[in-house]
C-alpha atoms as a PDB file:
ATOM      1  CA  MET A   1     -14.899  -9.224 -12.312  1.00  0.00           C
ATOM      2  CA  LYS A   2     -17.927  -9.565 -10.139  1.00  0.00           C
ATOM      3  CA  VAL A   3     -16.787 -13.705  -9.802  1.00  0.00           C
ATOM      4  CA  VAL A   4     -13.078 -12.493  -9.141  1.00  0.00           C
ATOM      5  CA  ALA A   5     -14.484  -9.899  -6.546  1.00  0.00           C
ATOM      6  CA  ILE A   6     -16.455 -12.661  -4.972  1.00  0.00           C
ATOM      7  CA  SER A   7     -13.948 -15.646  -5.045  1.00  0.00           C
ATOM      8  CA  ALA A   8     -11.135 -12.984  -3.878  1.00  0.00           C
ATOM      9  CA  LEU A   9     -13.638 -12.286  -0.160  1.00  0.00           C
ATOM     10  CA  MET A  10     -14.122 -16.182   0.507  1.00  0.00           C
ATOM     11  CA  ALA A  11     -10.832 -17.423  -0.183  1.00  0.00           C
ATOM     12  CA  THR A  12     -10.124 -14.039   2.310  1.00  0.00           C
ATOM     13  CA  LEU A  13     -13.308 -15.381   4.846  1.00  0.00           C
ATOM     14  CA  VAL A  14     -11.629 -19.378   4.977  1.00  0.00           C
ATOM     15  CA  ILE A  15      -8.162 -18.460   5.258  1.00  0.00           C
ATOM     16  CA  VAL A  16      -7.863 -15.242   7.471  1.00  0.00           C
ATOM     17  CA  PRO A  17      -9.629 -16.788  10.923  1.00  0.00           C
ATOM     18  CA  ALA A  18      -7.326 -19.805  10.173  1.00  0.00           C
ATOM     19  CA  CYS A  19      -4.280 -18.010   9.774  1.00  0.00           C
ATOM     20  CA  THR A  20      -2.356 -18.967  13.599  1.00  0.00           C
ATOM     21  CA  SER A  21       0.903 -17.236  12.917  1.00  0.00           C
ATOM     22  CA  GLN A  22       3.300 -16.128  10.493  1.00  0.00           C
ATOM     23  CA  ARG A  23       3.935 -18.044   8.432  1.00  0.00           C
ATOM     24  CA  ASP A  24      -0.146 -18.116   7.931  1.00  0.00           C
ATOM     25  CA  VAL A  25      -0.296 -15.436   7.106  1.00  0.00           C
ATOM     26  CA  GLU A  26       2.040 -15.110   4.350  1.00  0.00           C
ATOM     27  CA  CYS A  27       0.781 -18.884   2.977  1.00  0.00           C
ATOM     28  CA  GLY A  28      -3.085 -16.997   2.792  1.00  0.00           C
ATOM     29  CA  GLY A  29      -1.259 -13.731   1.419  1.00  0.00           C
ATOM     30  CA  ALA A  30      -0.008 -16.173  -1.446  1.00  0.00           C
ATOM     31  CA  ALA A  31      -2.613 -18.242  -1.893  1.00  0.00           C
ATOM     32  CA  LEU A  32      -5.132 -14.593  -2.360  1.00  0.00           C
ATOM     33  CA  THR A  33      -3.111 -12.973  -4.442  1.00  0.00           C
ATOM     34  CA  GLY A  34      -2.057 -15.962  -6.589  1.00  0.00           C
ATOM     35  CA  ALA A  35      -6.069 -16.507  -7.338  1.00  0.00           C
ATOM     36  CA  VAL A  36      -6.857 -12.319  -8.270  1.00  0.00           C
ATOM     37  CA  VAL A  37      -4.770 -12.373 -11.068  1.00  0.00           C
ATOM     38  CA  GLY A  38      -5.541 -15.990 -11.951  1.00  0.00           C
ATOM     39  CA  GLY A  39      -8.932 -15.060 -12.017  1.00  0.00           C
ATOM     40  CA  LEU A  40      -7.887 -11.461 -13.922  1.00  0.00           C
ATOM     41  CA  ILE A  41      -5.859 -13.445 -16.200  1.00  0.00           C
ATOM     42  CA  GLY A  42      -9.282 -16.017 -16.998  1.00  0.00           C
ATOM     43  CA  ASN A  43     -11.391 -12.995 -17.570  1.00  0.00           C
ATOM     44  CA  GLN A  44      -9.499 -11.942 -19.823  1.00  0.00           C
ATOM     45  CA  ILE A  45      -9.257 -15.060 -21.366  1.00  0.00           C
ATOM     46  CA  GLY A  46     -12.926 -16.157 -21.449  1.00  0.00           C
ATOM     47  CA  GLY A  47     -16.682 -14.842 -23.924  1.00  0.00           C
ATOM     48  CA  GLY A  48     -19.838 -14.823 -23.074  1.00  0.00           C
ATOM     49  CA  SER A  49     -20.910 -17.586 -19.996  1.00  0.00           C
ATOM     50  CA  GLY A  50     -17.716 -19.338 -20.794  1.00  0.00           C
ATOM     51  CA  LYS A  51     -15.974 -16.075 -19.039  1.00  0.00           C
ATOM     52  CA  ASP A  52     -17.285 -16.858 -15.830  1.00  0.00           C
ATOM     53  CA  ILE A  53     -16.145 -20.476 -15.446  1.00  0.00           C
ATOM     54  CA  LEU A  54     -12.987 -18.951 -16.845  1.00  0.00           C
ATOM     55  CA  THR A  55     -12.415 -16.578 -14.013  1.00  0.00           C
ATOM     56  CA  ALA A  56     -13.206 -19.454 -10.814  1.00  0.00           C
ATOM     57  CA  SER A  57     -11.104 -21.843 -13.160  1.00  0.00           C
ATOM     58  CA  GLY A  58      -8.321 -18.864 -13.128  1.00  0.00           C
ATOM     59  CA  ALA A  59      -8.512 -17.723  -9.959  1.00  0.00           C
ATOM     60  CA  ALA A  60      -8.593 -21.198  -8.020  1.00  0.00           C
ATOM     61  CA  ALA A  61      -5.351 -22.322 -10.282  1.00  0.00           C
ATOM     62  CA  GLY A  62      -3.719 -18.998  -9.852  1.00  0.00           C
ATOM     63  CA  GLY A  63      -4.291 -19.488  -5.776  1.00  0.00           C
ATOM     64  CA  LEU A  64      -3.500 -23.220  -5.649  1.00  0.00           C
ATOM     65  CA  MET A  65      -0.269 -22.794  -8.147  1.00  0.00           C
ATOM     66  CA  ALA A  66       1.083 -19.181  -5.931  1.00  0.00           C
ATOM     67  CA  ASN A  67       0.394 -21.381  -2.661  1.00  0.00           C
ATOM     68  CA  ARG A  68       2.529 -24.596  -3.707  1.00  0.00           C
ATOM     69  CA  ALA A  69       5.121 -21.787  -5.393  1.00  0.00           C
ATOM     70  CA  ALA A  70       5.388 -20.031  -1.657  1.00  0.00           C
ATOM     71  CA  GLY A  71       6.251 -23.856  -0.499  1.00  0.00           C
ATOM     72  CA  CYS A  72       3.469 -23.506   1.759  1.00  0.00           C
END
């Protein structure tokens, strides 16, 4: 769970300052939401040391998929 929170915080710190228009904010929000959901799913699937890896991978994949789905 710590990995999800850290990933979401890092994504927010990178995405939000770069937003210059409403569209950028929407794309950032989609990526952040996807990262959180993906991280939560990865956290539920993993076990042991693999839990951290799957959480981080789920967050990355979720953010990317949500960003593409939003057309960004």
